[in-house]
Amino acid sequence: MEYQHCRVFDYMLFLLKWDMGCLQIDPLEKRASVVEGSAMSQKVLFTWSSGKDSALALYELLEKGGSTVVSFLTTLTEDYDRISMHGVRRVLLEQQAQSLGFPLEKIFIPKEANNMIYESRMGEVLKRYKTAGISTVVFGDIFLSDLRTYREENLSRIAMNALFPLWGMSTTDLAERFIELGFAAIVTCVDGDVLDATFAGSLYNRDFLSRLPQEVDPCGENGEFHTFVFDGPLFSRRIRFEKGEVVLRDERFYFCDLIPLT
């Protein structure tokens, strides 16, 4: 099997997406629906990693109101056709976006891409958004100030803004809220420097959280692990898959393959 490398710079990438549709989800509804943005609602781009923080940030954003989500953007490693950092197959990402009711633009970057290549490709996308009159991009970051600054500085170069629905919240509280809301996620990648291979392929639930070492953040905000959300209050249908093998990449990161079920 092929997996994208978990490169350090990937964790600092901010994900963006271009689409001209106007979509908004009512978090109290099981199914996402298409609506027209009102004059009082700001159009925003939503960076989508496929993981729990993205799902919870989306829920919080829509629950608060005042924003019309135009579309998702996900960055994939083109050599492996998988989501960067998370290692999830493209087809599962597409099924996920369809279930949530949002269009999906996929931005592909080579596995050996440096920041210059990445920022060049993303810069083209950002300019299209700006030309379309969209100036706000939503992220699921929680407390990494260096990452927030990186995102804000890149956006500010073309007069765009960043929005962080989860910023400053307790990661312990967020983990519990994610579970209480009824979201379901599986751990697809773990950093072998802090977690062993047995954590890869685990469901993200209270049992998983109870097994985490004390020094590991319950939301994996420091990159300790990554997840794929396959069901929850915003999904129109559950994403079906079976677990494949767990493999070690770069002598550090354990990936659990998820095999789509038709």
C-alpha atoms as a PDB file:
ATOM      1  CA  MET A   1       0.000   0.000   0.000  1.00  0.00           C
ATOM      2  CA  GLU A   2       1.038   3.591  -0.549  1.00  0.00           C
ATOM      3  CA  TYR A   3       0.864   6.236   2.132  1.00  0.00           C
ATOM      4  CA  GLN A   4       1.790   9.881   2.020  1.00  0.00           C
ATOM      5  CA  HIS A   5       4.727  10.872   4.165  1.00  0.00           C
ATOM      6  CA  CYS A   6       3.959  12.777   7.358  1.00  0.00           C
ATOM      7  CA  ARG A   7       6.330  15.654   6.790  1.00  0.00           C
ATOM      8  CA  VAL A   8       6.827  18.320   9.434  1.00  0.00           C
ATOM      9  CA  PHE A   9       5.956  21.174   7.105  1.00  0.00           C
ATOM     10  CA  ASP A  10       2.651  19.524   6.203  1.00  0.00           C
ATOM     11  CA  TYR A  11       1.448  20.072   9.746  1.00  0.00           C
ATOM     12  CA  MET A  12       1.961  23.810   9.255  1.00  0.00           C
ATOM     13  CA  LEU A  13       0.006  23.994   6.031  1.00  0.00           C
ATOM     14  CA  PHE A  14      -3.223  25.918   5.934  1.00  0.00           C
ATOM     15  CA  LEU A  15      -5.805  24.315   3.624  1.00  0.00           C
ATOM     16  CA  LEU A  16      -7.987  26.348   1.302  1.00  0.00           C
ATOM     17  CA  LYS A  17     -10.736  25.658  -1.267  1.00  0.00           C
ATOM     18  CA  TRP A  18     -12.379  27.393  -4.225  1.00  0.00           C
ATOM     19  CA  ASP A  19     -16.012  26.958  -5.264  1.00  0.00           C
ATOM     20  CA  MET A  20     -18.759  29.430  -6.184  1.00  0.00           C
ATOM     21  CA  GLY A  21     -21.665  27.599  -4.513  1.00  0.00           C
ATOM     22  CA  CYS A  22     -23.380  28.814  -1.345  1.00  0.00           C
ATOM     23  CA  LEU A  23     -24.049  26.112   1.223  1.00  0.00           C
ATOM     24  CA  GLN A  24     -25.054  26.272   4.831  1.00  0.00           C
ATOM     25  CA  ILE A  25     -25.706  23.471   7.293  1.00  0.00           C
ATOM     26  CA  ASP A  26     -28.121  23.587  10.176  1.00  0.00           C
ATOM     27  CA  PRO A  27     -26.262  21.675  12.931  1.00  0.00           C
ATOM     28  CA  LEU A  28     -29.592  20.612  14.429  1.00  0.00           C
ATOM     29  CA  GLU A  29     -30.487  18.813  11.211  1.00  0.00           C
ATOM     30  CA  LYS A  30     -29.042  15.418  10.353  1.00  0.00           C
ATOM     31  CA  ARG A  31     -28.723  16.309   6.679  1.00  0.00           C
ATOM     32  CA  ALA A  32     -26.891  19.338   5.229  1.00  0.00           C
ATOM     33  CA  SER A  33     -29.004  21.512   2.972  1.00  0.00           C
ATOM     34  CA  VAL A  34     -28.329  24.101   0.289  1.00  0.00           C
ATOM     35  CA  VAL A  35     -29.465  27.635   1.070  1.00  0.00           C
ATOM     36  CA  GLU A  36     -28.845  31.103  -0.269  1.00  0.00           C
ATOM     37  CA  GLY A  37     -26.583  33.294   1.828  1.00  0.00           C
ATOM     38  CA  SER A  38     -28.310  36.310   3.339  1.00  0.00           C
ATOM     39  CA  ALA A  39     -26.993  39.843   3.301  1.00  0.00           C
ATOM     40  CA  MET A  40     -26.118  39.480   6.991  1.00  0.00           C
ATOM     41  CA  SER A  41     -24.141  36.264   6.495  1.00  0.00           C
ATOM     42  CA  GLN A  42     -20.456  36.303   5.600  1.00  0.00           C
ATOM     43  CA  LYS A  43     -19.265  33.800   3.028  1.00  0.00           C
ATOM     44  CA  VAL A  44     -16.398  31.685   4.303  1.00  0.00           C
ATOM     45  CA  LEU A  45     -14.122  28.962   3.018  1.00  0.00           C
ATOM     46  CA  PHE A  46     -13.777  25.942   5.274  1.00  0.00           C
ATOM     47  CA  THR A  47     -10.508  24.028   5.479  1.00  0.00           C
ATOM     48  CA  TRP A  48     -11.362  20.359   5.826  1.00  0.00           C
ATOM     49  CA  SER A  49      -8.866  17.732   7.031  1.00  0.00           C
ATOM     50  CA  SER A  50     -11.488  14.943   7.380  1.00  0.00           C
ATOM     51  CA  GLY A  51     -10.754  14.718  11.102  1.00  0.00           C
ATOM     52  CA  LYS A  52     -12.538  15.424  14.357  1.00  0.00           C
ATOM     53  CA  ASP A  53     -11.336  19.010  14.836  1.00  0.00           C
ATOM     54  CA  SER A  54     -12.650  19.992  11.410  1.00  0.00           C
ATOM     55  CA  ALA A  55     -15.995  18.343  12.143  1.00  0.00           C
ATOM     56  CA  LEU A  56     -16.339  20.017  15.512  1.00  0.00           C
ATOM     57  CA  ALA A  57     -15.234  23.409  14.179  1.00  0.00           C
ATOM     58  CA  LEU A  58     -17.849  23.105  11.437  1.00  0.00           C
ATOM     59  CA  TYR A  59     -20.535  22.250  13.970  1.00  0.00           C
ATOM     60  CA  GLU A  60     -19.603  25.172  16.227  1.00  0.00           C
ATOM     61  CA  LEU A  61     -19.467  27.604  13.305  1.00  0.00           C
ATOM     62  CA  LEU A  62     -22.895  26.637  12.038  1.00  0.00           C
ATOM     63  CA  GLU A  63     -24.427  26.539  15.492  1.00  0.00           C
ATOM     64  CA  LYS A  64     -23.257  30.087  16.117  1.00  0.00           C
ATOM     65  CA  GLY A  65     -24.676  31.272  12.794  1.00  0.00           C
ATOM     66  CA  GLY A  66     -23.754  34.330  10.760  1.00  0.00           C
ATOM     67  CA  SER A  67     -21.592  32.441   8.253  1.00  0.00           C
ATOM     68  CA  THR A  68     -22.359  30.781   4.939  1.00  0.00           C
ATOM     69  CA  VAL A  69     -19.899  28.005   4.173  1.00  0.00           C
ATOM     70  CA  VAL A  70     -19.087  28.234   0.476  1.00  0.00           C
ATOM     71  CA  SER A  71     -17.127  25.000   0.229  1.00  0.00           C
ATOM     72  CA  PHE A  72     -14.468  22.676   1.608  1.00  0.00           C
ATOM     73  CA  LEU A  73     -10.849  22.382   0.589  1.00  0.00           C
ATOM     74  CA  THR A  74      -8.617  19.411   1.319  1.00  0.00           C
ATOM     75  CA  THR A  75      -4.945  19.009   0.460  1.00  0.00           C
ATOM     76  CA  LEU A  76      -3.863  15.580  -0.760  1.00  0.00           C
ATOM     77  CA  THR A  77      -0.453  14.148  -1.529  1.00  0.00           C
ATOM     78  CA  GLU A  78      -0.643  13.453  -5.251  1.00  0.00           C
ATOM     79  CA  ASP A  79       1.872  10.589  -5.226  1.00  0.00           C
ATOM     80  CA  TYR A  80      -0.369   8.535  -2.930  1.00  0.00           C
ATOM     81  CA  ASP A  81      -3.822   9.984  -3.634  1.00  0.00           C
ATOM     82  CA  ARG A  82      -4.409  10.333   0.101  1.00  0.00           C
ATOM     83  CA  ILE A  83      -5.144  13.183   2.504  1.00  0.00           C
ATOM     84  CA  SER A  84      -1.925  14.794   3.680  1.00  0.00           C
ATOM     85  CA  MET A  85      -1.063  13.823   7.266  1.00  0.00           C
ATOM     86  CA  HIS A  86      -4.188  11.704   7.779  1.00  0.00           C
ATOM     87  CA  GLY A  87      -3.415   9.020   5.201  1.00  0.00           C
ATOM     88  CA  VAL A  88      -7.063   8.570   4.182  1.00  0.00           C
ATOM     89  CA  ARG A  89      -7.911   7.485   0.645  1.00  0.00           C
ATOM     90  CA  ARG A  90      -9.405  10.116  -1.650  1.00  0.00           C
ATOM     91  CA  VAL A  91     -12.567   8.111  -2.272  1.00  0.00           C
ATOM     92  CA  LEU A  92     -13.428   8.153   1.443  1.00  0.00           C
ATOM     93  CA  LEU A  93     -12.869  11.895   1.551  1.00  0.00           C
ATOM     94  CA  GLU A  94     -15.248  12.319  -1.380  1.00  0.00           C
ATOM     95  CA  GLN A  95     -17.882  10.148   0.286  1.00  0.00           C
ATOM     96  CA  GLN A  96     -17.484  12.181   3.469  1.00  0.00           C
ATOM     97  CA  ALA A  97     -17.995  15.519   1.709  1.00  0.00           C
ATOM     98  CA  GLN A  98     -21.009  14.145  -0.152  1.00  0.00           C
ATOM     99  CA  SER A  99     -22.584  12.931   3.080  1.00  0.00           C
ATOM    100  CA  LEU A 100     -22.040  16.351   4.642  1.00  0.00           C
ATOM    101  CA  GLY A 101     -23.575  18.028   1.608  1.00  0.00           C
ATOM    102  CA  PHE A 102     -20.644  20.217   0.570  1.00  0.00           C
ATOM    103  CA  PRO A 103     -18.736  20.479  -2.699  1.00  0.00           C
ATOM    104  CA  LEU A 104     -15.116  19.444  -2.448  1.00  0.00           C
ATOM    105  CA  GLU A 105     -12.096  20.859  -4.207  1.00  0.00           C
ATOM    106  CA  LYS A 106      -8.984  18.753  -3.904  1.00  0.00           C
ATOM    107  CA  ILE A 107      -5.591  20.424  -4.012  1.00  0.00           C
ATOM    108  CA  PHE A 108      -2.744  18.040  -4.838  1.00  0.00           C
ATOM    109  CA  ILE A 109       0.845  18.559  -3.747  1.00  0.00           C
ATOM    110  CA  PRO A 110       3.848  16.294  -4.443  1.00  0.00           C
ATOM    111  CA  LYS A 111       5.238  14.246  -1.563  1.00  0.00           C
ATOM    112  CA  GLU A 112       8.594  16.024  -1.746  1.00  0.00           C
ATOM    113  CA  ALA A 113       7.099  19.504  -2.021  1.00  0.00           C
ATOM    114  CA  ASN A 114       8.753  22.262  -0.050  1.00  0.00           C
ATOM    115  CA  ASN A 115       7.019  25.349   1.288  1.00  0.00           C
ATOM    116  CA  MET A 116       7.817  27.309  -1.851  1.00  0.00           C
ATOM    117  CA  ILE A 117       5.999  24.812  -4.083  1.00  0.00           C
ATOM    118  CA  TYR A 118       3.103  24.512  -1.673  1.00  0.00           C
ATOM    119  CA  GLU A 119       2.626  28.244  -1.190  1.00  0.00           C
ATOM    120  CA  SER A 120       2.837  28.845  -4.943  1.00  0.00           C
ATOM    121  CA  ARG A 121      -0.027  26.425  -5.603  1.00  0.00           C
ATOM    122  CA  MET A 122      -2.079  27.717  -2.708  1.00  0.00           C
ATOM    123  CA  GLY A 123      -1.399  31.303  -3.677  1.00  0.00           C
ATOM    124  CA  GLU A 124      -3.126  30.758  -7.007  1.00  0.00           C
ATOM    125  CA  VAL A 125      -6.193  29.395  -5.227  1.00  0.00           C
ATOM    126  CA  LEU A 126      -6.243  32.234  -2.703  1.00  0.00           C
ATOM    127  CA  LYS A 127      -6.192  34.842  -5.448  1.00  0.00           C
ATOM    128  CA  ARG A 128      -9.196  33.249  -7.103  1.00  0.00           C
ATOM    129  CA  TYR A 129     -11.092  33.359  -3.822  1.00  0.00           C
ATOM    130  CA  LYS A 130     -10.187  36.958  -3.263  1.00  0.00           C
ATOM    131  CA  THR A 131     -11.301  37.857  -6.764  1.00  0.00           C
ATOM    132  CA  ALA A 132     -14.617  36.116  -6.051  1.00  0.00           C
ATOM    133  CA  GLY A 133     -15.143  38.398  -3.063  1.00  0.00           C
ATOM    134  CA  ILE A 134     -14.506  35.850  -0.325  1.00  0.00           C
ATOM    135  CA  SER A 135     -12.223  37.090   2.422  1.00  0.00           C
ATOM    136  CA  THR A 136     -12.538  34.664   5.363  1.00  0.00           C
ATOM    137  CA  VAL A 137     -11.079  31.172   5.784  1.00  0.00           C
ATOM    138  CA  VAL A 138     -12.065  28.880   8.666  1.00  0.00           C
ATOM    139  CA  PHE A 139      -9.627  26.594  10.496  1.00  0.00           C
ATOM    140  CA  GLY A 140     -10.018  23.992  13.234  1.00  0.00           C
ATOM    141  CA  ASP A 141      -6.906  24.935  15.223  1.00  0.00           C
ATOM    142  CA  ILE A 142      -7.227  25.125  18.995  1.00  0.00           C
ATOM    143  CA  PHE A 143      -4.111  26.494  20.700  1.00  0.00           C
ATOM    144  CA  LEU A 144      -0.944  26.369  18.554  1.00  0.00           C
ATOM    145  CA  SER A 145      -0.111  30.058  18.331  1.00  0.00           C
ATOM    146  CA  ASP A 146       2.750  29.600  15.839  1.00  0.00           C
ATOM    147  CA  LEU A 147       0.434  27.792  13.455  1.00  0.00           C
ATOM    148  CA  ARG A 148      -2.237  30.457  13.832  1.00  0.00           C
ATOM    149  CA  THR A 149       0.304  33.183  13.089  1.00  0.00           C
ATOM    150  CA  TYR A 150       1.501  31.282  10.020  1.00  0.00           C
ATOM    151  CA  ARG A 151      -2.026  31.058   8.667  1.00  0.00           C
ATOM    152  CA  GLU A 152      -2.900  34.677   9.432  1.00  0.00           C
ATOM    153  CA  GLU A 153       0.292  36.030   7.881  1.00  0.00           C
ATOM    154  CA  ASN A 154      -0.206  34.080   4.670  1.00  0.00           C
ATOM    155  CA  LEU A 155      -3.797  35.224   4.357  1.00  0.00           C
ATOM    156  CA  SER A 156      -3.013  38.832   5.204  1.00  0.00           C
ATOM    157  CA  ARG A 157      -0.736  39.088   2.179  1.00  0.00           C
ATOM    158  CA  ILE A 158      -3.842  39.152  -0.006  1.00  0.00           C
ATOM    159  CA  ALA A 159      -6.125  40.879   2.499  1.00  0.00           C
ATOM    160  CA  MET A 160      -7.900  37.738   3.684  1.00  0.00           C
ATOM    161  CA  ASN A 161      -8.794  36.821   7.268  1.00  0.00           C
ATOM    162  CA  ALA A 162      -8.697  33.636   9.338  1.00  0.00           C
ATOM    163  CA  LEU A 163     -11.470  32.414  11.636  1.00  0.00           C
ATOM    164  CA  PHE A 164     -10.909  29.845  14.420  1.00  0.00           C
ATOM    165  CA  PRO A 165     -14.193  28.581  15.956  1.00  0.00           C
ATOM    166  CA  LEU A 166     -12.417  26.348  18.512  1.00  0.00           C
ATOM    167  CA  TRP A 167      -9.636  28.723  19.496  1.00  0.00           C
ATOM    168  CA  GLY A 168      -8.733  28.787  23.187  1.00  0.00           C
ATOM    169  CA  MET A 169     -11.217  26.101  24.218  1.00  0.00           C
ATOM    170  CA  SER A 170     -10.214  23.284  26.554  1.00  0.00           C
ATOM    171  CA  THR A 171      -9.152  20.258  24.525  1.00  0.00           C
ATOM    172  CA  THR A 172     -10.463  18.005  27.286  1.00  0.00           C
ATOM    173  CA  ASP A 173     -13.871  19.650  27.000  1.00  0.00           C
ATOM    174  CA  LEU A 174     -13.765  19.534  23.200  1.00  0.00           C
ATOM    175  CA  ALA A 175     -12.972  15.816  23.184  1.00  0.00           C
ATOM    176  CA  GLU A 176     -15.940  15.141  25.449  1.00  0.00           C
ATOM    177  CA  ARG A 177     -18.214  17.418  23.408  1.00  0.00           C
ATOM    178  CA  PHE A 178     -17.274  15.619  20.200  1.00  0.00           C
ATOM    179  CA  ILE A 179     -18.314  12.297  21.722  1.00  0.00           C
ATOM    180  CA  GLU A 180     -21.462  13.659  23.388  1.00  0.00           C
ATOM    181  CA  LEU A 181     -22.681  15.176  20.113  1.00  0.00           C
ATOM    182  CA  GLY A 182     -22.625  11.726  18.547  1.00  0.00           C
ATOM    183  CA  PHE A 183     -19.724  12.082  16.122  1.00  0.00           C
ATOM    184  CA  ALA A 184     -17.803   8.912  15.296  1.00  0.00           C
ATOM    185  CA  ALA A 185     -14.129   8.901  14.282  1.00  0.00           C
ATOM    186  CA  ILE A 186     -11.264   6.466  13.861  1.00  0.00           C
ATOM    187  CA  VAL A 187      -7.559   7.127  14.451  1.00  0.00           C
ATOM    188  CA  THR A 188      -5.727   6.854  11.119  1.00  0.00           C
ATOM    189  CA  CYS A 189      -2.236   8.062  12.022  1.00  0.00           C
ATOM    190  CA  VAL A 190      -0.189   8.192  15.212  1.00  0.00           C
ATOM    191  CA  ASP A 191       3.226   9.627  15.954  1.00  0.00           C
ATOM    192  CA  GLY A 192       5.348   6.690  17.084  1.00  0.00           C
ATOM    193  CA  ASP A 193       7.492   8.981  19.226  1.00  0.00           C
ATOM    194  CA  VAL A 194       4.586   9.420  21.653  1.00  0.00           C
ATOM    195  CA  LEU A 195       2.150   6.559  20.925  1.00  0.00           C
ATOM    196  CA  ASP A 196       2.662   2.930  19.965  1.00  0.00           C
ATOM    197  CA  ALA A 197       1.137   1.149  16.985  1.00  0.00           C
ATOM    198  CA  THR A 198      -1.822  -0.208  18.970  1.00  0.00           C
ATOM    199  CA  PHE A 199      -3.424   3.240  18.970  1.00  0.00           C
ATOM    200  CA  ALA A 200      -3.657   3.311  15.154  1.00  0.00           C
ATOM    201  CA  GLY A 201      -7.046   2.028  14.041  1.00  0.00           C
ATOM    202  CA  SER A 202      -8.697   2.738  17.404  1.00  0.00           C
ATOM    203  CA  LEU A 203     -12.080   4.399  17.586  1.00  0.00           C
ATOM    204  CA  TYR A 204     -11.896   7.883  19.031  1.00  0.00           C
ATOM    205  CA  ASN A 205     -13.969   7.350  22.163  1.00  0.00           C
ATOM    206  CA  ARG A 206     -13.684   7.485  25.948  1.00  0.00           C
ATOM    207  CA  ASP A 207     -11.755   4.233  26.037  1.00  0.00           C
ATOM    208  CA  PHE A 208      -9.192   5.661  23.630  1.00  0.00           C
ATOM    209  CA  LEU A 209      -8.909   8.833  25.688  1.00  0.00           C
ATOM    210  CA  SER A 210      -8.430   6.839  28.910  1.00  0.00           C
ATOM    211  CA  ARG A 211      -5.479   4.996  27.360  1.00  0.00           C
ATOM    212  CA  LEU A 212      -3.611   8.120  26.288  1.00  0.00           C
ATOM    213  CA  PRO A 213      -0.427   8.962  28.202  1.00  0.00           C
ATOM    214  CA  GLN A 214      -0.839  12.036  30.374  1.00  0.00           C
ATOM    215  CA  GLU A 215       1.459  14.114  28.183  1.00  0.00           C
ATOM    216  CA  VAL A 216      -0.607  13.504  25.013  1.00  0.00           C
ATOM    217  CA  ASP A 217      -3.247  16.098  24.213  1.00  0.00           C
ATOM    218  CA  PRO A 218      -6.760  14.579  24.066  1.00  0.00           C
ATOM    219  CA  CYS A 219      -7.364  16.289  20.726  1.00  0.00           C
ATOM    220  CA  GLY A 220      -3.912  15.456  19.388  1.00  0.00           C
ATOM    221  CA  GLU A 221      -3.349  19.164  18.839  1.00  0.00           C
ATOM    222  CA  ASN A 222       0.434  18.710  18.872  1.00  0.00           C
ATOM    223  CA  GLY A 223       0.248  16.198  16.025  1.00  0.00           C
ATOM    224  CA  GLU A 224       0.235  13.114  18.253  1.00  0.00           C
ATOM    225  CA  PHE A 225      -2.523  11.501  16.186  1.00  0.00           C
ATOM    226  CA  HIS A 226      -4.975  12.185  13.357  1.00  0.00           C
ATOM    227  CA  THR A 227      -8.505  10.941  12.716  1.00  0.00           C
ATOM    228  CA  PHE A 228     -11.191  10.364  10.114  1.00  0.00           C
ATOM    229  CA  VAL A 229     -14.813  11.210  11.013  1.00  0.00           C
ATOM    230  CA  PHE A 230     -17.304   8.779   9.503  1.00  0.00           C
ATOM    231  CA  ASP A 231     -20.628   9.630  11.146  1.00  0.00           C
ATOM    232  CA  GLY A 232     -22.287  12.298  13.244  1.00  0.00           C
ATOM    233  CA  PRO A 233     -25.042  14.899  13.541  1.00  0.00           C
ATOM    234  CA  LEU A 234     -24.121  16.631  10.261  1.00  0.00           C
ATOM    235  CA  PHE A 235     -23.875  13.462   8.160  1.00  0.00           C
ATOM    236  CA  SER A 236     -26.675  12.295   5.880  1.00  0.00           C
ATOM    237  CA  ARG A 237     -25.219   8.788   5.904  1.00  0.00           C
ATOM    238  CA  ARG A 238     -22.474   6.822   7.625  1.00  0.00           C
ATOM    239  CA  ILE A 239     -19.228   6.321   5.701  1.00  0.00           C
ATOM    240  CA  ARG A 240     -18.596   2.583   5.379  1.00  0.00           C
ATOM    241  CA  PHE A 241     -15.125   1.071   5.436  1.00  0.00           C
ATOM    242  CA  GLU A 242     -13.110  -1.739   6.936  1.00  0.00           C
ATOM    243  CA  LYS A 243      -9.767  -1.480   8.644  1.00  0.00           C
ATOM    244  CA  GLY A 244      -6.714  -2.568   6.693  1.00  0.00           C
ATOM    245  CA  GLU A 245      -3.197  -3.142   7.906  1.00  0.00           C
ATOM    246  CA  VAL A 246      -1.183  -0.794  10.098  1.00  0.00           C
ATOM    247  CA  VAL A 247       2.165   0.177   8.620  1.00  0.00           C
ATOM    248  CA  LEU A 248       5.142   2.228   9.785  1.00  0.00           C
ATOM    249  CA  ARG A 249       6.328   5.095   7.585  1.00  0.00           C
ATOM    250  CA  ASP A 250       9.417   7.284   7.875  1.00  0.00           C
ATOM    251  CA  GLU A 251      10.486   5.104  10.823  1.00  0.00           C
ATOM    252  CA  ARG A 252       8.096   7.090  13.005  1.00  0.00           C
ATOM    253  CA  PHE A 253       4.441   7.325  11.919  1.00  0.00           C
ATOM    254  CA  TYR A 254       1.941   4.465  12.089  1.00  0.00           C
ATOM    255  CA  PHE A 255      -0.884   4.546   9.541  1.00  0.00           C
ATOM    256  CA  CYS A 256      -4.021   2.440   9.628  1.00  0.00           C
ATOM    257  CA  ASP A 257      -5.430   1.957   6.156  1.00  0.00           C
ATOM    258  CA  LEU A 258      -9.192   2.374   5.710  1.00  0.00           C
ATOM    259  CA  ILE A 259     -10.621   0.332   2.868  1.00  0.00           C
ATOM    260  CA  PRO A 260     -13.886   1.674   1.365  1.00  0.00           C
ATOM    261  CA  LEU A 261     -16.926  -0.597   1.318  1.00  0.00           C
ATOM    262  CA  THR A 262     -19.390  -0.112  -1.530  1.00  0.00           C
END
